[in-house]
Amino acid sequence: MYLTPKSSLFLGGSCVSAIAAVGSIFELSYGQPDFGVTATAIILVLSIPLTGLFFFAAVKDARANMK
């Protein structure tokens, strides 16, 4: 089995940050974000690279545990 608890957490973090990015895009395109434009933009800017980093870490951990 390639999926470890560590890679599962990384994959879950990737999903959550991707959802945050998509939600931020929708909030900003709507025009009146609930958390304000600045906070929503910061969430968007942080969540995009976090999605990639978490996904890369999950794949790296899964490959390291291949038997």
N, C-alpha and C. Protein backbone atom coordinates (compact mmCIF):
# COMPACT_ATOMS: atom_id res chain seq x y z
N MET A 1 0.84 -1.18 0.00
CA MET A 1 0.00 0.00 0.00
C MET A 1 0.89 1.24 0.00
N TYR A 2 0.61 2.16 -0.91
CA TYR A 2 1.45 3.34 -1.08
C TYR A 2 1.00 4.52 -0.23
N LEU A 3 -0.25 4.56 0.13
CA LEU A 3 -0.78 5.70 0.86
C LEU A 3 -0.51 5.53 2.35
N THR A 4 0.29 6.43 2.90
CA THR A 4 0.62 6.40 4.31
C THR A 4 -0.18 7.49 5.03
N PRO A 5 -0.22 7.45 6.35
CA PRO A 5 -0.91 8.54 7.05
C PRO A 5 -0.31 9.92 6.75
N LYS A 6 0.99 9.96 6.59
CA LYS A 6 1.66 11.23 6.29
C LYS A 6 1.25 11.75 4.91
N SER A 7 1.27 10.87 3.91
CA SER A 7 0.87 11.31 2.57
C SER A 7 -0.62 11.62 2.51
N SER A 8 -1.41 10.94 3.33
CA SER A 8 -2.85 11.25 3.40
C SER A 8 -3.09 12.66 3.94
N LEU A 9 -2.32 13.03 4.96
CA LEU A 9 -2.44 14.39 5.51
C LEU A 9 -2.02 15.44 4.49
N PHE A 10 -0.94 15.17 3.77
CA PHE A 10 -0.50 16.09 2.73
C PHE A 10 -1.56 16.22 1.63
N LEU A 11 -2.13 15.10 1.23
CA LEU A 11 -3.16 15.12 0.20
C LEU A 11 -4.41 15.85 0.67
N GLY A 12 -4.78 15.65 1.93
CA GLY A 12 -5.91 16.38 2.50
C GLY A 12 -5.65 17.87 2.56
N GLY A 13 -4.43 18.24 2.94
CA GLY A 13 -4.06 19.66 2.96
C GLY A 13 -4.10 20.28 1.57
N SER A 14 -3.70 19.50 0.57
CA SER A 14 -3.77 19.96 -0.80
C SER A 14 -5.21 20.21 -1.23
N CYS A 15 -6.10 19.31 -0.85
CA CYS A 15 -7.52 19.47 -1.20
C CYS A 15 -8.12 20.70 -0.52
N VAL A 16 -7.81 20.87 0.76
CA VAL A 16 -8.36 22.01 1.50
C VAL A 16 -7.85 23.33 0.93
N SER A 17 -6.56 23.40 0.62
CA SER A 17 -6.02 24.64 0.08
C SER A 17 -6.53 24.90 -1.34
N ALA A 18 -6.78 23.86 -2.12
CA ALA A 18 -7.36 24.05 -3.45
C ALA A 18 -8.79 24.58 -3.34
N ILE A 19 -9.54 24.06 -2.40
CA ILE A 19 -10.91 24.55 -2.18
C ILE A 19 -10.88 26.01 -1.73
N ALA A 20 -9.92 26.36 -0.88
CA ALA A 20 -9.78 27.75 -0.43
C ALA A 20 -9.45 28.67 -1.60
N ALA A 21 -8.61 28.20 -2.51
CA ALA A 21 -8.26 29.01 -3.68
C ALA A 21 -9.47 29.24 -4.57
N VAL A 22 -10.21 28.19 -4.85
CA VAL A 22 -11.39 28.32 -5.70
C VAL A 22 -12.43 29.21 -5.03
N GLY A 23 -12.64 29.03 -3.74
CA GLY A 23 -13.58 29.86 -3.01
C GLY A 23 -13.17 31.32 -3.03
N SER A 24 -11.89 31.58 -2.90
CA SER A 24 -11.39 32.96 -2.92
C SER A 24 -11.61 33.60 -4.29
N ILE A 25 -11.39 32.82 -5.34
CA ILE A 25 -11.63 33.34 -6.69
C ILE A 25 -13.09 33.72 -6.86
N PHE A 26 -13.99 32.86 -6.42
CA PHE A 26 -15.41 33.17 -6.52
C PHE A 26 -15.78 34.38 -5.68
N GLU A 27 -15.24 34.47 -4.47
CA GLU A 27 -15.54 35.60 -3.60
C GLU A 27 -15.04 36.91 -4.22
N LEU A 28 -13.84 36.89 -4.78
CA LEU A 28 -13.30 38.10 -5.38
C LEU A 28 -14.04 38.49 -6.65
N SER A 29 -14.47 37.51 -7.43
CA SER A 29 -15.20 37.83 -8.65
C SER A 29 -16.61 38.32 -8.35
N TYR A 30 -17.15 37.96 -7.21
CA TYR A 30 -18.47 38.43 -6.81
C TYR A 30 -18.45 39.93 -6.52
N GLY A 31 -17.37 40.40 -5.96
CA GLY A 31 -17.23 41.83 -5.73
C GLY A 31 -17.25 42.26 -4.28
N GLN A 32 -17.90 41.49 -3.41
CA GLN A 32 -17.96 41.85 -1.99
C GLN A 32 -17.63 40.62 -1.14
N PRO A 33 -16.33 40.29 -1.00
CA PRO A 33 -15.95 39.13 -0.21
C PRO A 33 -16.35 39.28 1.26
N ASP A 34 -16.71 38.17 1.87
CA ASP A 34 -17.14 38.18 3.28
C ASP A 34 -16.02 38.64 4.22
N PHE A 35 -14.78 38.26 3.92
CA PHE A 35 -13.65 38.62 4.78
C PHE A 35 -12.95 39.90 4.34
N GLY A 36 -13.45 40.54 3.30
CA GLY A 36 -12.81 41.73 2.75
C GLY A 36 -11.88 41.35 1.61
N VAL A 37 -11.60 42.32 0.77
CA VAL A 37 -10.78 42.07 -0.41
C VAL A 37 -9.35 41.70 -0.03
N THR A 38 -8.79 42.41 0.93
CA THR A 38 -7.39 42.16 1.29
C THR A 38 -7.20 40.76 1.87
N ALA A 39 -8.03 40.38 2.82
CA ALA A 39 -7.89 39.06 3.44
C ALA A 39 -8.14 37.94 2.43
N THR A 40 -9.13 38.12 1.58
CA THR A 40 -9.43 37.10 0.58
C THR A 40 -8.30 36.98 -0.43
N ALA A 41 -7.72 38.09 -0.82
CA ALA A 41 -6.58 38.05 -1.75
C ALA A 41 -5.37 37.37 -1.11
N ILE A 42 -5.15 37.62 0.16
CA ILE A 42 -4.04 36.96 0.86
C ILE A 42 -4.28 35.45 0.92
N ILE A 43 -5.51 35.04 1.21
CA ILE A 43 -5.84 33.61 1.23
C ILE A 43 -5.59 33.00 -0.14
N LEU A 44 -5.98 33.69 -1.19
CA LEU A 44 -5.76 33.19 -2.55
C LEU A 44 -4.28 33.06 -2.87
N VAL A 45 -3.52 34.09 -2.56
CA VAL A 45 -2.08 34.09 -2.86
C VAL A 45 -1.35 32.99 -2.09
N LEU A 46 -1.77 32.72 -0.86
CA LEU A 46 -1.11 31.67 -0.07
C LEU A 46 -1.58 30.27 -0.45
N SER A 47 -2.83 30.14 -0.82
CA SER A 47 -3.37 28.80 -1.05
C SER A 47 -2.92 28.19 -2.37
N ILE A 48 -2.62 28.99 -3.37
CA ILE A 48 -2.19 28.44 -4.66
C ILE A 48 -0.86 27.69 -4.53
N PRO A 49 0.19 28.31 -3.98
CA PRO A 49 1.44 27.53 -3.85
C PRO A 49 1.34 26.40 -2.83
N LEU A 50 0.53 26.59 -1.78
CA LEU A 50 0.37 25.52 -0.79
C LEU A 50 -0.26 24.28 -1.41
N THR A 51 -1.18 24.47 -2.33
CA THR A 51 -1.80 23.33 -3.01
C THR A 51 -0.74 22.51 -3.72
N GLY A 52 0.11 23.18 -4.48
CA GLY A 52 1.18 22.48 -5.20
C GLY A 52 2.20 21.84 -4.27
N LEU A 53 2.58 22.54 -3.22
CA LEU A 53 3.57 22.00 -2.29
C LEU A 53 3.04 20.78 -1.55
N PHE A 54 1.79 20.85 -1.07
CA PHE A 54 1.21 19.71 -0.38
C PHE A 54 1.07 18.50 -1.32
N PHE A 55 0.65 18.76 -2.55
CA PHE A 55 0.50 17.66 -3.50
C PHE A 55 1.85 17.03 -3.82
N PHE A 56 2.86 17.86 -4.05
CA PHE A 56 4.20 17.37 -4.31
C PHE A 56 4.73 16.55 -3.14
N ALA A 57 4.50 17.02 -1.92
CA ALA A 57 4.95 16.29 -0.73
C ALA A 57 4.22 14.96 -0.59
N ALA A 58 2.92 14.91 -0.93
CA ALA A 58 2.18 13.66 -0.85
C ALA A 58 2.70 12.65 -1.84
N VAL A 59 2.98 13.10 -3.06
CA VAL A 59 3.50 12.18 -4.09
C VAL A 59 4.90 11.72 -3.72
N LYS A 60 5.71 12.62 -3.22
CA LYS A 60 7.09 12.26 -2.82
C LYS A 60 7.09 11.23 -1.70
N ASP A 61 6.20 11.41 -0.70
CA ASP A 61 6.11 10.47 0.41
C ASP A 61 5.57 9.11 -0.06
N ALA A 62 4.60 9.13 -0.94
CA ALA A 62 4.04 7.87 -1.44
C ALA A 62 5.08 7.10 -2.25
N ARG A 63 5.84 7.82 -3.06
CA ARG A 63 6.89 7.15 -3.85
C ARG A 63 8.00 6.59 -2.95
N ALA A 64 8.29 7.30 -1.87
CA ALA A 64 9.34 6.83 -0.95
C ALA A 64 8.92 5.56 -0.24
N ASN A 65 7.62 5.32 -0.10
CA ASN A 65 7.13 4.15 0.61
C ASN A 65 6.67 3.04 -0.32
N MET A 66 7.03 3.10 -1.58
CA MET A 66 6.68 2.02 -2.51
C MET A 66 7.54 0.80 -2.21
N LYS A 67 6.91 -0.33 -2.21
CA LYS A 67 7.65 -1.57 -1.90
C LYS A 67 7.48 -2.57 -3.00
